[in-house]
Protein backbone atom coordinates (compact mmCIF):
# COMPACT_ATOMS: atom_id res chain seq x y z
CA MET A 1 6.66 19.45 -17.23
CA THR A 2 5.57 20.48 -13.56
CA LYS A 3 2.58 19.48 -13.80
CA THR A 4 3.54 15.81 -15.21
CA MET A 5 6.10 15.75 -12.64
CA ASN A 6 3.59 16.30 -10.10
CA LYS A 7 0.94 13.57 -11.17
CA ILE A 8 3.70 11.27 -11.48
CA GLY A 9 4.38 12.02 -7.77
CA GLN A 10 0.93 12.19 -6.71
CA LEU A 11 1.07 8.05 -7.74
CA GLY A 12 4.58 7.93 -6.10
CA LEU A 13 2.43 8.75 -2.41
CA VAL A 14 0.21 6.05 -2.72
CA VAL A 15 1.87 3.19 -5.10
CA PHE A 16 3.35 1.73 -1.22
CA VAL A 17 1.09 1.88 1.95
CA ILE A 18 2.09 0.10 4.65
CA LEU A 19 -0.29 -1.57 6.57
CA PHE A 20 -0.35 -5.03 8.81
CA ILE A 21 -1.09 -8.37 9.42
CA SER A 22 0.37 -11.18 11.52
CA CYS A 23 2.02 -13.64 8.93
CA SER A 24 3.89 -17.02 10.62
CA ASN A 25 7.52 -16.88 10.03
CA GLY A 26 10.36 -14.52 9.87
CA GLN A 27 11.71 -15.72 5.91
CA THR A 28 8.71 -15.17 3.48
CA LYS A 29 8.18 -17.07 0.42
CA SER A 30 5.53 -15.72 -1.95
CA GLN A 31 2.80 -17.97 -2.52
CA THR A 32 1.26 -17.93 -6.35
CA GLU A 33 -2.71 -17.49 -6.33
CA THR A 34 -5.68 -17.24 -8.68
CA LYS A 35 -8.83 -15.67 -7.48
CA LYS A 36 -11.57 -15.53 -9.65
CA THR A 37 -14.98 -13.42 -9.10
CA THR A 38 -18.06 -12.48 -11.57
CA GLU A 39 -16.25 -8.97 -12.42
CA THR A 40 -12.46 -9.08 -12.56
CA ILE A 41 -9.81 -11.84 -12.55
CA GLU A 42 -7.17 -11.31 -9.95
CA HIS A 43 -3.15 -9.98 -11.10
CA VAL A 44 -0.98 -13.24 -10.00
CA ILE A 45 2.09 -12.16 -7.32
CA PRO A 46 4.87 -13.20 -9.10
CA GLU A 47 6.87 -16.09 -7.19
CA PHE A 48 9.95 -14.55 -5.10
CA GLU A 49 12.54 -14.87 -2.72
CA ILE A 50 13.60 -12.55 0.35
CA THR A 51 15.64 -13.98 3.24
CA PHE A 52 14.70 -11.22 6.33
CA PRO A 53 16.60 -11.58 9.49
CA GLU A 54 15.98 -13.36 12.26
CA THR A 55 14.21 -11.78 15.63
CA GLU A 56 11.93 -12.46 17.90
CA PHE A 57 9.60 -10.52 15.81
CA LYS A 58 7.09 -11.47 13.33
CA VAL A 59 7.24 -10.71 9.20
CA GLU A 60 3.25 -9.25 8.85
CA LYS A 61 1.56 -9.13 6.12
CA THR A 62 -1.22 -7.07 4.52
CA GLU A 63 -3.51 -6.38 1.42
CA ASN A 64 -5.42 -3.22 0.91
CA ARG A 65 -6.76 -1.99 -2.66
CA ASP A 66 -6.38 1.78 -3.60
CA PRO A 67 -9.25 3.22 -5.73
CA SER A 68 -7.26 5.67 -7.15
CA LEU A 69 -4.79 3.05 -8.75
CA GLY A 70 -8.02 1.01 -10.58
CA ASN A 71 -8.26 -0.95 -7.36
CA ILE A 72 -5.58 -2.10 -7.74
CA LEU A 73 -4.28 -4.65 -4.59
CA ILE A 74 -1.25 -3.28 -2.49
CA THR A 75 0.45 -6.43 -0.93
CA ASN A 76 3.09 -5.77 2.03
CA TRP A 77 5.49 -8.10 4.38
CA ILE A 78 6.91 -6.08 7.25
CA LEU A 79 9.62 -7.18 9.82
CA GLN A 80 9.59 -4.66 12.54
CA GLY A 81 10.61 -4.43 15.48
CA LYS A 82 14.01 -2.38 18.09
CA ASP A 83 16.93 -4.53 19.84
CA GLU A 84 19.88 -2.77 21.15
CA ASN A 85 20.84 -0.68 18.39
CA GLY A 86 17.11 0.69 18.95
CA PRO A 87 14.13 0.10 16.32
CA PHE A 88 14.79 -1.25 12.70
CA MET A 89 12.20 -2.17 9.56
CA TYR A 90 12.61 -4.32 6.95
CA PHE A 91 9.80 -4.97 4.34
CA VAL A 92 8.64 -5.78 0.62
CA ALA A 93 5.46 -4.34 -1.19
CA HIS A 94 4.53 -5.60 -4.63
CA ASN A 95 1.77 -4.42 -6.24
CA GLU A 96 0.26 -4.21 -10.04
CA PHE A 97 1.65 -1.96 -12.44
CA PRO A 98 -1.09 1.35 -12.07
CA LYS A 99 -2.65 1.61 -15.05
CA LYS A 100 -1.94 5.50 -15.21
CA LEU A 101 1.46 5.70 -14.93
CA LYS A 102 1.60 2.85 -17.64
CA ASP A 103 -0.16 5.55 -19.49
CA LEU A 104 2.07 8.57 -18.64
CA GLU A 105 5.06 6.24 -19.45
CA LYS A 106 3.82 6.17 -23.35
CA THR A 107 3.76 10.19 -23.44
CA GLU A 108 7.03 10.42 -20.54
CA SER A 109 9.96 9.58 -21.31
CA ASN A 110 11.03 10.03 -17.36
CA SER A 111 8.64 9.67 -16.21
CA LEU A 112 9.01 5.97 -14.70
CA GLU A 113 12.38 7.47 -13.55
CA VAL A 114 10.56 10.35 -11.65
CA ALA A 115 7.81 7.99 -10.71
CA PHE A 116 10.43 5.68 -8.79
CA GLN A 117 12.28 8.39 -6.99
CA ALA A 118 8.61 9.65 -6.00
CA MET A 119 7.59 6.30 -4.54
CA LEU A 120 11.38 6.41 -2.84
CA THR A 121 11.16 9.40 -1.09
CA SER A 122 7.22 9.74 0.19
CA SER A 123 7.92 5.90 2.00
CA ALA A 124 10.67 7.37 3.86
CA VAL A 125 9.64 10.63 4.26
CA LYS A 126 6.85 9.46 6.43
CA LEU A 127 9.36 7.76 8.57
CA GLY A 128 11.66 11.51 8.41
CA GLY A 129 13.61 10.26 6.05
CA THR A 130 16.15 13.59 4.54
CA ASP A 131 18.85 13.60 2.74
CA PHE A 132 18.35 11.13 -0.19
CA GLU A 133 20.54 10.06 -2.69
CA PHE A 134 19.60 8.32 -5.66
CA VAL A 135 21.19 5.43 -8.20
CA ASN A 136 19.00 3.97 -11.08
CA ILE A 137 19.90 0.16 -10.56
CA GLU A 138 19.31 -3.18 -12.49
CA TYR A 139 17.76 -6.45 -11.75
CA ASP A 140 17.95 -9.45 -14.63
CA ASP A 141 17.93 -6.66 -17.06
CA TYR A 142 14.65 -4.73 -15.46
CA LYS A 143 14.54 -1.37 -14.68
CA GLY A 144 14.75 -0.41 -11.28
CA MET A 145 16.06 2.58 -8.85
CA GLU A 146 18.22 2.77 -5.16
CA SER A 147 18.04 5.70 -2.68
CA ILE A 148 19.47 5.74 0.93
CA CYS A 149 18.79 8.73 3.19
CA LYS A 150 19.04 9.59 6.84
CA VAL A 151 16.54 8.25 9.56
CA PHE A 152 16.31 9.30 13.15
CA ASN A 153 18.32 13.63 12.82
CA GLY A 154 21.15 11.66 11.30
CA ASP A 155 21.19 8.98 13.01
CA GLY A 156 19.96 5.90 11.21
CA ILE A 157 19.35 5.15 7.87
CA ILE A 158 16.73 3.51 5.00
CA LYS A 159 17.98 2.22 2.08
CA SER A 160 15.50 1.05 -0.82
CA ARG A 161 14.59 -0.13 -3.58
CA VAL A 162 12.02 -0.20 -5.95
CA TYR A 163 12.03 -2.24 -9.99
CA GLU A 164 9.16 -2.70 -12.27
CA ILE A 165 9.13 -6.55 -13.09
CA ASN A 166 7.03 -7.15 -16.62
CA ASN A 167 3.83 -5.77 -15.27
CA ASP A 168 4.10 -5.33 -11.66
CA LEU A 169 6.04 -3.19 -9.26
CA PHE A 170 8.47 -4.30 -5.91
CA MET A 171 10.27 -1.90 -3.51
CA ILE A 172 12.39 -3.44 -1.08
CA SER A 173 13.51 -1.58 2.18
CA ALA A 174 15.43 -2.00 4.94
CA GLY A 175 16.94 0.58 7.55
CA GLY A 176 16.57 2.10 11.37
CA GLN A 177 18.48 3.53 14.51
CA LYS A 178 22.43 2.59 13.90
CA ILE A 179 21.84 -0.35 11.74
CA ASN A 180 24.43 -2.08 10.47
CA ILE A 181 24.77 -1.28 6.33
CA GLU A 182 25.85 -5.46 5.92
CA THR A 183 23.02 -6.40 7.05
CA VAL A 184 20.42 -3.88 5.13
CA ASP A 185 22.55 -4.44 2.18
CA LYS A 186 22.39 -8.60 3.01
CA PHE A 187 18.45 -8.28 2.72
CA LEU A 188 18.46 -6.02 -0.02
CA ASN A 189 20.36 -8.70 -2.46
CA SER A 190 18.61 -11.56 -0.75
CA PHE A 191 15.26 -10.82 -3.06
CA GLY A 192 14.73 -12.59 -6.27
CA LEU A 193 12.03 -13.94 -8.77
CA LYS A 194 11.79 -17.53 -8.23
CA LYS A 195 13.16 -19.18 -11.88
């Protein structure tokens, strides 16, 4: 069991990597695009909507491939900056559900829950997260998990959600120093798949 938990934890640590490339506006809607090569057909990102807060800062987008997860494409959209309350960050991460996790899910009944917890923890620990609280959630009958933790030595929070939606993983996070929880929840609640 411990060996399985370590495998899942390692997957969680590498699933969501935050990098930065410029994107043009404060409200992001994904665009479906299929690229064909002689070797593979790219995974199509499901169309979704989310409303980033309006600030002087821009939403930035990156794409990165992870060879340890079968060369899957990890796409991130991030808005970060600083205001009178201190630093803040809002982001969405998407990638195809890793085959390693699919295979593990067939043999370990709680593997998805453990993986969700590892993903939520690993992304926040990089930002100094402590005192984690987790709760299982759903989005339109899709399984998910929400976490909240303290950052900035207890002077701020990060709240995150992760969902398995068909063959995709989405992670949505918001937080900062002295940030308003209603603003965080408004961002998290604005996530939705386009019908």
